[in-house]
Amino acid sequence: MKIVVIALGKIGLPLAVQFASKGHQVTGVDVNQQTVDLINQAKEPFPGEYLLQEKLAETVGAGNLKATTSYAEAVPGADAIVLVVPLFVDQDAKPDFGWMDAATKELAQHLTPGTLVSYETTLPVGTTRNRWKPMIEEISGLVEGKDFHLVFSPERVLTGRVFEDLRKYPKLIGGLSPEGAERAREFYEAVLDFDERPDLQRANGVWDLGSAEASELAKLAETTYRDVNIGLANEFARYAGENGIDVYQVIEASNSQPYSHIHRPGIAVGGHCIPVYPRLYLWNDPKAEIVRTARALNADMPAFTVGLLAGAHDADLSGQKVVVLGAAYRGGVKETAFSGVFDTVNSLVERGAEVLVHDPMYTDEELAKFGWTAYHLGESVDAAVLQTDHAEYRSLTPADLPGIRTLVDGRNVTDPAVWAGVTRRVIGVPGEATR
């Protein structure tokens, strides 16, 4: 097949490589010329995706993958087009379709009959049918269901392990017609492999959910569930900490039977997915108070955590040197999308602290671009807030932070025994050692 992947980011490029690895002719389209040039040189444009460099070199070297900035070059004659263009959402839960509209209009100008068009970017329910279908039809002059087929098939992978997740999870599809769904099923079965999953009620593979709307809602539901569950865990943690109870013992006990699956509390919920998709759901369903409440509670956790620090520190935070450990939204990933670092830094600044930021994955210059002063282990500091669960932070000791009097571990990853003599606080755990 001739396949086009539009937007060669941290999801799109691994998808393009996966499709090409199955022997298909894949052209990737991206607006960034530097990204296009690096891909055509078989060099990964961003670090951290397991096996991407090796697979990129293989597929480009075999002539199965190339990149371009030109829709006119890539789209005509394509058997399938997959779009993973970013969709942005503001704090009021209003989606900004700017980039996706631009990409859709470009592909529609060059669309030829017989093409399957699949959107993988997470969308509000109804977007595929009510926004993309009329837009493509108007610009292309083609008729959906007759001249081309349009489906929604959400990406369900995490950066850093995309190839593993593509095999592990069922590929959800939802078409605007049975014929379109069948085309999508044939396409994804030809470009993906699936692990055996005896835990599933039906075989792992391509799952047709019956409509684009059901497929759109499935992606919103699975991610919104996580945000709501984390919000519940944070609610429990706040109560437990105020009442001398260790919430982690409570969660372990509760989850010992199969009907409970409480997530872990923490300083922040970050990334492109969990903080964002509940807002897309709320755009469709503004009456969803459970979702709204959980989102608000999770968004408040950085400020709550800084409050823990202020309460535990034996001096006002004004003028105190405080380091935020971790800029990334999760450990081992060089990405700050919706990271808790931003609100944590802001809350500390509001309390008058002198704020420094450390992250083993970022250079001083990269941190400076965010407006932060870089911290180096071994430099004197009064207090620290651990924001990211990087593996490197699990072995931290007070010697790494000379002069530290208070540590708030927002992820509960440090060893309390090591921190004897330092006031250490964890969300949802009663106060531990004090000086």
Protein backbone atom coordinates (compact mmCIF):
# COMPACT_ATOMS: atom_id res chain seq x y z
CA MET A 1 0.00 0.00 0.00
CA LYS A 2 0.89 3.63 -0.43
CA ILE A 3 0.43 5.19 3.02
CA VAL A 4 0.70 8.79 4.18
CA VAL A 5 1.25 9.81 7.82
CA ILE A 6 0.61 13.47 8.56
CA ALA A 7 2.59 14.98 11.48
CA LEU A 8 5.84 13.22 12.32
CA GLY A 9 5.97 13.86 16.05
CA LYS A 10 6.47 11.48 18.94
CA ILE A 11 3.48 9.39 17.86
CA GLY A 12 3.35 9.99 14.12
CA LEU A 13 6.94 9.07 13.32
CA PRO A 14 6.87 5.72 15.15
CA LEU A 15 3.57 4.97 13.37
CA ALA A 16 5.14 5.75 10.00
CA VAL A 17 8.11 3.54 10.84
CA GLN A 18 5.80 0.71 11.97
CA PHE A 19 3.80 0.86 8.73
CA ALA A 20 6.98 0.93 6.65
CA SER A 21 8.44 -2.01 8.57
CA LYS A 22 5.58 -4.14 7.21
CA GLY A 23 6.78 -3.51 3.67
CA HIS A 24 4.47 -0.66 2.67
CA GLN A 25 5.53 2.55 0.94
CA VAL A 26 5.14 5.30 3.50
CA THR A 27 5.47 9.03 3.05
CA GLY A 28 5.46 11.22 6.14
CA VAL A 29 4.34 14.85 5.97
CA ASP A 30 5.49 17.45 8.46
CA VAL A 31 5.61 21.25 8.48
CA ASN A 32 9.08 21.28 10.05
CA GLN A 33 11.77 21.12 7.37
CA GLN A 34 14.47 20.17 9.87
CA THR A 35 12.38 17.18 11.02
CA VAL A 36 11.87 16.12 7.41
CA ASP A 37 15.58 16.42 6.63
CA LEU A 38 16.64 14.39 9.66
CA ILE A 39 14.17 11.60 8.85
CA ASN A 40 15.38 11.40 5.26
CA GLN A 41 18.90 11.08 6.67
CA ALA A 42 17.62 8.21 8.86
CA LYS A 43 18.28 10.22 12.04
CA GLU A 44 15.64 10.36 14.76
CA PRO A 45 14.64 14.00 15.35
CA PHE A 46 13.90 13.47 19.06
CA PRO A 47 15.45 11.14 21.64
CA GLY A 48 13.87 8.64 23.97
CA GLU A 49 11.68 6.38 21.83
CA TYR A 50 12.79 2.77 22.28
CA LEU A 51 13.96 1.14 19.02
CA LEU A 52 13.00 4.15 16.90
CA GLN A 53 16.50 4.90 15.64
CA GLU A 54 17.13 1.29 14.63
CA LYS A 55 13.77 0.90 12.88
CA LEU A 56 14.07 4.31 11.22
CA ALA A 57 17.45 3.39 9.77
CA GLU A 58 16.08 0.09 8.49
CA THR A 59 12.96 1.50 6.82
CA VAL A 60 14.61 4.56 5.30
CA GLY A 61 17.51 2.42 4.15
CA ALA A 62 15.13 -0.04 2.51
CA GLY A 63 13.40 2.78 0.64
CA ASN A 64 10.07 2.20 2.38
CA LEU A 65 9.95 5.50 4.25
CA LYS A 66 10.55 9.09 3.22
CA ALA A 67 9.44 12.47 4.52
CA THR A 68 8.33 15.70 2.88
CA THR A 69 6.67 19.02 3.65
CA SER A 70 4.55 18.76 0.49
CA TYR A 71 0.98 17.45 0.63
CA ALA A 72 0.88 17.68 -3.16
CA GLU A 73 3.74 15.20 -3.32
CA ALA A 74 2.44 12.80 -0.70
CA VAL A 75 -1.36 12.64 -0.84
CA PRO A 76 -2.45 11.94 -4.45
CA GLY A 77 -2.91 8.23 -5.08
CA ALA A 78 -2.61 7.24 -1.45
CA ASP A 79 -4.38 4.09 -0.30
CA ALA A 80 -4.54 5.34 3.30
CA ILE A 81 -3.85 8.59 5.13
CA VAL A 82 -3.34 8.68 8.91
CA LEU A 83 -3.43 12.02 10.73
CA VAL A 84 -1.89 12.57 14.16
CA VAL A 85 -1.76 16.37 14.13
CA PRO A 86 -1.88 17.93 17.63
CA LEU A 87 -5.12 19.33 19.03
CA PHE A 88 -4.79 21.96 21.73
CA VAL A 89 -7.22 22.66 24.57
CA ASP A 90 -7.42 25.78 26.72
CA GLN A 91 -8.18 25.98 30.45
CA ASP A 92 -11.87 26.52 29.67
CA ALA A 93 -12.02 23.12 27.92
CA LYS A 94 -12.34 24.72 24.49
CA PRO A 95 -10.43 22.85 21.77
CA ASP A 96 -8.30 24.78 19.31
CA PHE A 97 -8.56 23.00 15.96
CA GLY A 98 -6.18 25.38 14.20
CA TRP A 99 -3.42 22.94 13.27
CA MET A 100 -5.83 20.11 12.52
CA ASP A 101 -8.02 22.33 10.32
CA ALA A 102 -4.97 23.44 8.35
CA ALA A 103 -3.78 19.86 7.82
CA THR A 104 -7.26 18.64 6.87
CA LYS A 105 -7.71 21.41 4.32
CA GLU A 106 -4.32 20.66 2.78
CA LEU A 107 -4.98 16.95 2.45
CA ALA A 108 -8.48 17.61 1.06
CA GLN A 109 -7.03 19.76 -1.72
CA HIS A 110 -5.00 16.82 -2.97
CA LEU A 111 -7.24 13.88 -2.04
CA THR A 112 -7.95 11.37 -4.80
CA PRO A 113 -10.70 8.74 -4.99
CA GLY A 114 -10.26 5.43 -3.20
CA THR A 115 -8.41 6.71 -0.15
CA LEU A 116 -9.06 5.73 3.47
CA VAL A 117 -8.61 8.71 5.82
CA SER A 118 -8.07 7.85 9.49
CA TYR A 119 -7.82 10.39 12.30
CA GLU A 120 -5.82 9.19 15.32
CA THR A 121 -5.64 12.45 17.28
CA THR A 122 -7.98 12.34 20.28
CA LEU A 123 -11.14 14.35 19.47
CA PRO A 124 -14.38 15.50 21.07
CA VAL A 125 -17.26 13.17 20.25
CA GLY A 126 -18.80 13.98 16.88
CA THR A 127 -15.79 15.74 15.37
CA THR A 128 -15.08 13.13 12.69
CA ARG A 129 -18.62 13.18 11.34
CA ASN A 130 -19.55 16.81 11.89
CA ARG A 131 -16.27 18.65 11.25
CA TRP A 132 -13.90 16.59 9.12
CA LYS A 133 -16.43 14.96 6.79
CA PRO A 134 -18.04 18.20 5.50
CA MET A 135 -14.68 19.99 5.38
CA ILE A 136 -13.04 17.28 3.27
CA GLU A 137 -16.09 16.89 1.01
CA GLU A 138 -16.40 20.62 0.35
CA ILE A 139 -12.73 21.14 -0.52
CA SER A 140 -12.09 17.87 -2.40
CA GLY A 141 -15.40 17.63 -4.24
CA LEU A 142 -15.45 13.96 -3.27
CA VAL A 143 -18.23 12.15 -1.39
CA GLU A 144 -17.49 10.26 1.82
CA GLY A 145 -18.67 6.66 1.70
CA LYS A 146 -18.47 6.66 -2.09
CA ASP A 147 -15.22 8.30 -3.23
CA PHE A 148 -13.30 8.02 0.04
CA HIS A 149 -13.81 6.59 3.52
CA LEU A 150 -13.37 8.42 6.82
CA VAL A 151 -12.79 6.73 10.19
CA PHE A 152 -11.62 7.55 13.69
CA SER A 153 -9.04 5.26 15.28
CA PRO A 154 -7.45 6.70 18.44
CA GLU A 155 -3.79 6.27 19.24
CA ARG A 156 -3.44 4.37 22.53
CA VAL A 157 0.31 4.47 23.13
CA LEU A 158 2.75 6.17 25.47
CA THR A 159 5.88 7.90 24.26
CA GLY A 160 8.95 5.84 25.00
CA ARG A 161 7.17 2.54 24.39
CA VAL A 162 5.10 3.13 21.23
CA PHE A 163 6.11 -0.06 19.42
CA GLU A 164 5.36 -2.18 22.48
CA ASP A 165 1.97 -0.56 23.00
CA LEU A 166 0.99 -0.94 19.34
CA ARG A 167 1.23 -4.70 19.83
CA LYS A 168 -0.29 -4.81 23.30
CA TYR A 169 -3.58 -2.96 22.94
CA PRO A 170 -6.54 -3.56 20.61
CA LYS A 171 -6.75 -1.10 17.71
CA LEU A 172 -10.09 0.66 18.02
CA ILE A 173 -11.86 1.82 14.88
CA GLY A 174 -15.13 3.57 14.16
CA GLY A 175 -16.33 4.43 10.69
CA LEU A 176 -19.07 6.56 9.19
CA SER A 177 -20.25 3.52 7.24
CA PRO A 178 -19.82 -0.26 7.43
CA GLU A 179 -17.74 -0.11 4.25
CA GLY A 180 -15.40 2.45 5.77
CA ALA A 181 -15.01 0.39 8.92
CA GLU A 182 -14.14 -2.67 6.86
CA ARG A 183 -11.52 -0.71 4.93
CA ALA A 184 -10.03 0.44 8.23
CA ARG A 185 -10.01 -3.09 9.60
CA GLU A 186 -8.17 -4.36 6.51
CA PHE A 187 -5.70 -1.49 6.68
CA TYR A 188 -4.75 -1.82 10.34
CA GLU A 189 -4.51 -5.60 10.14
CA ALA A 190 -2.00 -5.11 7.32
CA VAL A 191 0.22 -2.66 9.23
CA LEU A 192 0.08 -3.87 12.84
CA ASP A 193 0.90 -7.02 14.79
CA PHE A 194 -0.86 -7.97 18.01
CA ASP A 195 0.26 -9.84 21.10
CA GLU A 196 -1.93 -12.60 22.48
CA ARG A 197 -4.05 -11.27 25.34
CA PRO A 198 -5.76 -14.12 27.22
CA ASP A 199 -7.01 -11.54 29.72
CA LEU A 200 -9.34 -10.01 27.10
CA GLN A 201 -12.84 -11.29 26.47
CA ARG A 202 -12.21 -11.25 22.73
CA ALA A 203 -9.06 -11.67 20.70
CA ASN A 204 -6.58 -8.83 20.59
CA GLY A 205 -6.60 -7.10 17.22
CA VAL A 206 -8.71 -4.54 15.38
CA TRP A 207 -11.96 -3.84 17.22
CA ASP A 208 -14.79 -2.14 15.31
CA LEU A 209 -16.88 -0.11 17.79
CA GLY A 210 -19.66 0.48 15.30
CA SER A 211 -19.38 4.23 14.83
CA ALA A 212 -16.86 7.06 14.84
CA GLU A 213 -18.61 8.51 17.88
CA ALA A 214 -18.17 5.32 19.92
CA SER A 215 -14.48 5.23 19.02
CA GLU A 216 -14.06 8.89 19.94
CA LEU A 217 -15.77 8.35 23.29
CA ALA A 218 -13.74 5.21 24.06
CA LYS A 219 -10.49 7.19 23.97
CA LEU A 220 -11.93 10.00 26.07
CA ALA A 221 -13.39 7.50 28.53
CA GLU A 222 -10.19 5.54 29.14
CA THR A 223 -8.11 8.64 29.81
CA THR A 224 -10.78 10.54 31.75
CA TYR A 225 -11.15 7.48 33.99
CA ARG A 226 -7.50 7.79 34.93
CA ASP A 227 -7.81 11.48 35.75
CA VAL A 228 -10.90 10.87 37.90
CA ASN A 229 -9.24 7.91 39.64
CA ILE A 230 -6.11 9.94 40.41
CA GLY A 231 -8.33 12.73 41.68
CA LEU A 232 -10.01 10.26 44.04
CA ALA A 233 -6.61 9.01 45.21
CA ASN A 234 -5.53 12.59 45.85
CA GLU A 235 -8.73 13.24 47.79
CA PHE A 236 -8.04 10.20 49.96
CA ALA A 237 -4.41 11.28 50.38
CA ARG A 238 -5.27 14.76 51.54
CA TYR A 239 -7.71 13.41 54.12
CA ALA A 240 -5.35 10.66 55.25
CA GLY A 241 -2.44 13.01 55.73
CA GLU A 242 -4.56 15.35 57.84
CA ASN A 243 -5.72 12.49 60.06
CA GLY A 244 -2.52 10.54 60.74
CA ILE A 245 -3.23 7.74 58.22
CA ASP A 246 -0.82 6.33 55.65
CA VAL A 247 -2.82 6.42 52.41
CA TYR A 248 -0.44 4.00 50.67
CA GLN A 249 -1.27 1.28 53.18
CA VAL A 250 -4.95 2.04 52.62
CA ILE A 251 -4.61 1.82 48.83
CA GLU A 252 -2.64 -1.43 49.01
CA ALA A 253 -5.28 -2.93 51.28
CA SER A 254 -8.17 -1.73 49.13
CA ASN A 255 -6.61 -2.99 45.92
CA SER A 256 -6.07 -6.46 47.39
CA GLN A 257 -9.53 -7.41 46.13
CA PRO A 258 -10.37 -7.28 42.42
CA TYR A 259 -13.12 -4.64 42.58
CA SER A 260 -10.81 -1.85 43.66
CA HIS A 261 -8.10 -0.28 41.54
CA ILE A 262 -7.22 3.00 43.24
CA HIS A 263 -4.36 4.85 41.55
CA ARG A 264 -1.44 6.60 43.24
CA PRO A 265 -1.73 10.15 44.56
CA GLY A 266 0.89 12.72 43.66
CA ILE A 267 1.95 16.29 43.13
CA ALA A 268 0.63 16.61 39.57
CA VAL A 269 -1.01 14.94 36.60
CA GLY A 270 0.91 15.85 33.45
CA GLY A 271 1.44 14.88 29.85
CA HIS A 272 -0.42 15.32 26.59
CA CYS A 273 -3.27 13.00 27.56
CA ILE A 274 -4.60 12.74 31.10
CA PRO A 275 -4.87 16.47 31.89
CA VAL A 276 -6.19 17.29 28.40
CA TYR A 277 -8.77 14.71 27.37
CA PRO A 278 -11.11 15.27 30.34
CA ARG A 279 -11.42 18.84 29.04
CA LEU A 280 -12.42 17.49 25.63
CA TYR A 281 -15.03 15.36 27.34
CA LEU A 282 -16.29 18.35 29.28
CA TRP A 283 -16.63 20.27 26.02
CA ASN A 284 -19.18 17.66 24.95
CA ASP A 285 -20.70 17.11 28.38
CA PRO A 286 -20.44 20.30 30.48
CA LYS A 287 -22.72 18.78 33.14
CA ALA A 288 -20.15 16.11 34.05
CA GLU A 289 -19.45 17.34 37.58
CA ILE A 290 -17.41 14.31 38.63
CA VAL A 291 -14.99 14.90 35.77
CA ARG A 292 -14.85 18.64 36.45
CA THR A 293 -14.23 18.20 40.17
CA ALA A 294 -11.45 15.64 39.66
CA ARG A 295 -9.75 17.86 37.08
CA ALA A 296 -9.87 20.86 39.42
CA LEU A 297 -8.53 18.84 42.36
CA ASN A 298 -5.65 17.43 40.33
CA ALA A 299 -4.81 20.88 39.00
CA ASP A 300 -4.60 22.15 42.59
CA MET A 301 -2.12 19.51 43.76
CA PRO A 302 1.09 21.49 43.04
CA ALA A 303 -0.17 24.36 45.21
CA PHE A 304 -1.29 21.88 47.87
CA THR A 305 2.18 20.29 47.85
CA VAL A 306 3.90 23.65 48.24
CA GLY A 307 1.55 24.22 51.17
CA LEU A 308 2.88 21.01 52.72
CA LEU A 309 6.38 22.38 52.35
CA ALA A 310 5.43 25.68 53.94
CA GLY A 311 3.83 23.87 56.86
CA ALA A 312 6.78 21.54 57.42
CA HIS A 313 9.63 24.03 56.93
CA ASP A 314 10.79 25.69 60.12
CA ALA A 315 11.01 29.08 58.46
CA ASP A 316 8.88 31.18 56.17
CA LEU A 317 9.59 30.30 52.53
CA SER A 318 10.33 33.93 51.73
CA GLY A 319 14.00 34.17 50.79
CA GLN A 320 14.50 30.42 51.16
CA LYS A 321 16.38 28.61 48.41
CA VAL A 322 14.07 25.83 47.16
CA VAL A 323 14.85 23.41 44.34
CA VAL A 324 12.13 21.72 42.31
CA LEU A 325 13.45 18.28 41.36
CA GLY A 326 12.15 17.38 37.93
CA ALA A 327 10.84 19.46 35.03
CA ALA A 328 9.48 16.53 33.00
CA TYR A 329 5.89 15.47 33.54
CA ARG A 330 6.93 11.86 34.24
CA GLY A 331 10.12 9.98 34.92
CA GLY A 332 12.39 9.02 32.06
CA VAL A 333 10.61 11.20 29.49
CA LYS A 334 12.05 14.47 28.25
CA GLU A 335 8.73 16.27 27.94
CA THR A 336 7.19 19.12 29.94
CA ALA A 337 3.64 19.06 28.52
CA PHE A 338 1.30 20.09 31.35
CA SER A 339 4.05 19.21 33.82
CA GLY A 340 3.48 20.05 37.46
CA VAL A 341 6.75 21.95 37.45
CA PHE A 342 5.06 25.10 36.16
CA ASP A 343 2.47 25.45 38.92
CA THR A 344 4.95 24.27 41.54
CA VAL A 345 7.43 26.96 40.58
CA ASN A 346 4.69 29.58 40.45
CA SER A 347 3.39 28.63 43.89
CA LEU A 348 6.88 28.82 45.38
CA VAL A 349 7.51 32.20 43.77
CA GLU A 350 4.21 33.49 45.18
CA ARG A 351 5.47 32.54 48.64
CA GLY A 352 8.69 34.48 48.08
CA ALA A 353 11.06 31.55 47.64
CA GLU A 354 14.19 31.66 45.53
CA VAL A 355 13.36 28.85 43.12
CA LEU A 356 15.80 26.59 41.26
CA VAL A 357 14.97 23.70 38.94
CA HIS A 358 16.87 20.46 38.37
CA ASP A 359 16.26 17.72 35.83
CA PRO A 360 18.86 15.16 34.70
CA MET A 361 17.37 15.13 31.19
CA TYR A 362 17.67 18.88 30.58
CA THR A 363 20.71 21.13 30.14
CA ASP A 364 21.08 24.43 31.95
CA GLU A 365 20.37 26.21 28.68
CA GLU A 366 17.17 24.25 28.11
CA LEU A 367 15.92 25.03 31.61
CA ALA A 368 16.82 28.71 31.11
CA LYS A 369 14.51 28.84 28.08
CA PHE A 370 11.62 28.23 30.48
CA GLY A 371 12.82 31.13 32.62
CA TRP A 372 14.26 28.92 35.36
CA THR A 373 17.63 28.96 37.09
CA ALA A 374 19.28 25.57 36.88
CA TYR A 375 20.29 23.76 40.04
CA HIS A 376 23.22 21.33 40.29
CA LEU A 377 23.38 18.56 42.85
CA GLY A 378 25.91 19.42 45.52
CA GLU A 379 24.93 23.08 45.72
CA SER A 380 23.53 24.49 48.96
CA VAL A 381 19.74 24.56 49.30
CA ASP A 382 17.20 25.08 52.09
CA ALA A 383 14.40 22.83 50.84
CA ALA A 384 13.34 20.65 47.91
CA VAL A 385 10.14 19.54 46.23
CA LEU A 386 10.42 16.32 44.22
CA GLN A 387 8.11 16.74 41.23
CA THR A 388 9.19 14.03 38.77
CA ASP A 389 9.77 10.34 39.49
CA HIS A 390 13.04 10.10 37.59
CA ALA A 391 14.97 6.94 38.47
CA GLU A 392 17.93 9.09 39.46
CA TYR A 393 15.96 10.64 42.30
CA ARG A 394 15.27 7.32 44.03
CA SER A 395 18.82 7.23 45.33
CA LEU A 396 19.03 10.86 46.43
CA THR A 397 20.50 11.55 49.85
CA PRO A 398 20.83 14.73 51.93
CA ALA A 399 24.47 14.86 50.85
CA ASP A 400 23.28 15.60 47.31
CA LEU A 401 21.43 18.66 48.63
CA PRO A 402 23.78 20.24 51.20
CA GLY A 403 22.03 22.28 53.86
CA ILE A 404 18.58 20.90 53.12
CA ARG A 405 16.17 21.07 56.04
CA THR A 406 12.92 20.00 54.40
CA LEU A 407 12.05 17.62 51.56
CA VAL A 408 8.56 17.19 50.17
CA ASP A 409 8.55 14.05 48.02
CA GLY A 410 5.62 14.58 45.69
CA ARG A 411 5.95 11.10 44.19
CA ASN A 412 6.92 9.01 47.24
CA VAL A 413 10.03 7.58 45.59
CA THR A 414 12.79 8.48 48.06
CA ASP A 415 13.90 6.17 50.86
CA PRO A 416 12.73 7.59 54.22
CA ALA A 417 15.55 5.82 56.07
CA VAL A 418 18.11 7.79 54.10
CA TRP A 419 16.48 11.08 55.07
CA ALA A 420 16.68 10.69 58.84
CA GLY A 421 17.53 14.08 60.28
CA VAL A 422 15.65 15.95 57.55
CA THR A 423 11.99 16.88 57.72
CA ARG A 424 10.47 14.75 54.98
CA ARG A 425 6.86 14.93 53.88
CA VAL A 426 4.89 12.79 51.45
CA ILE A 427 1.38 13.49 50.20
CA GLY A 428 -1.00 11.25 52.12
CA VAL A 429 1.52 10.06 54.71
CA PRO A 430 1.72 11.34 58.32
CA GLY A 431 4.74 13.46 59.17
CA GLU A 432 7.91 11.39 59.45
CA ALA A 433 11.33 12.24 60.82
CA THR A 434 12.07 15.74 61.96
CA ARG A 435 15.38 17.30 62.79
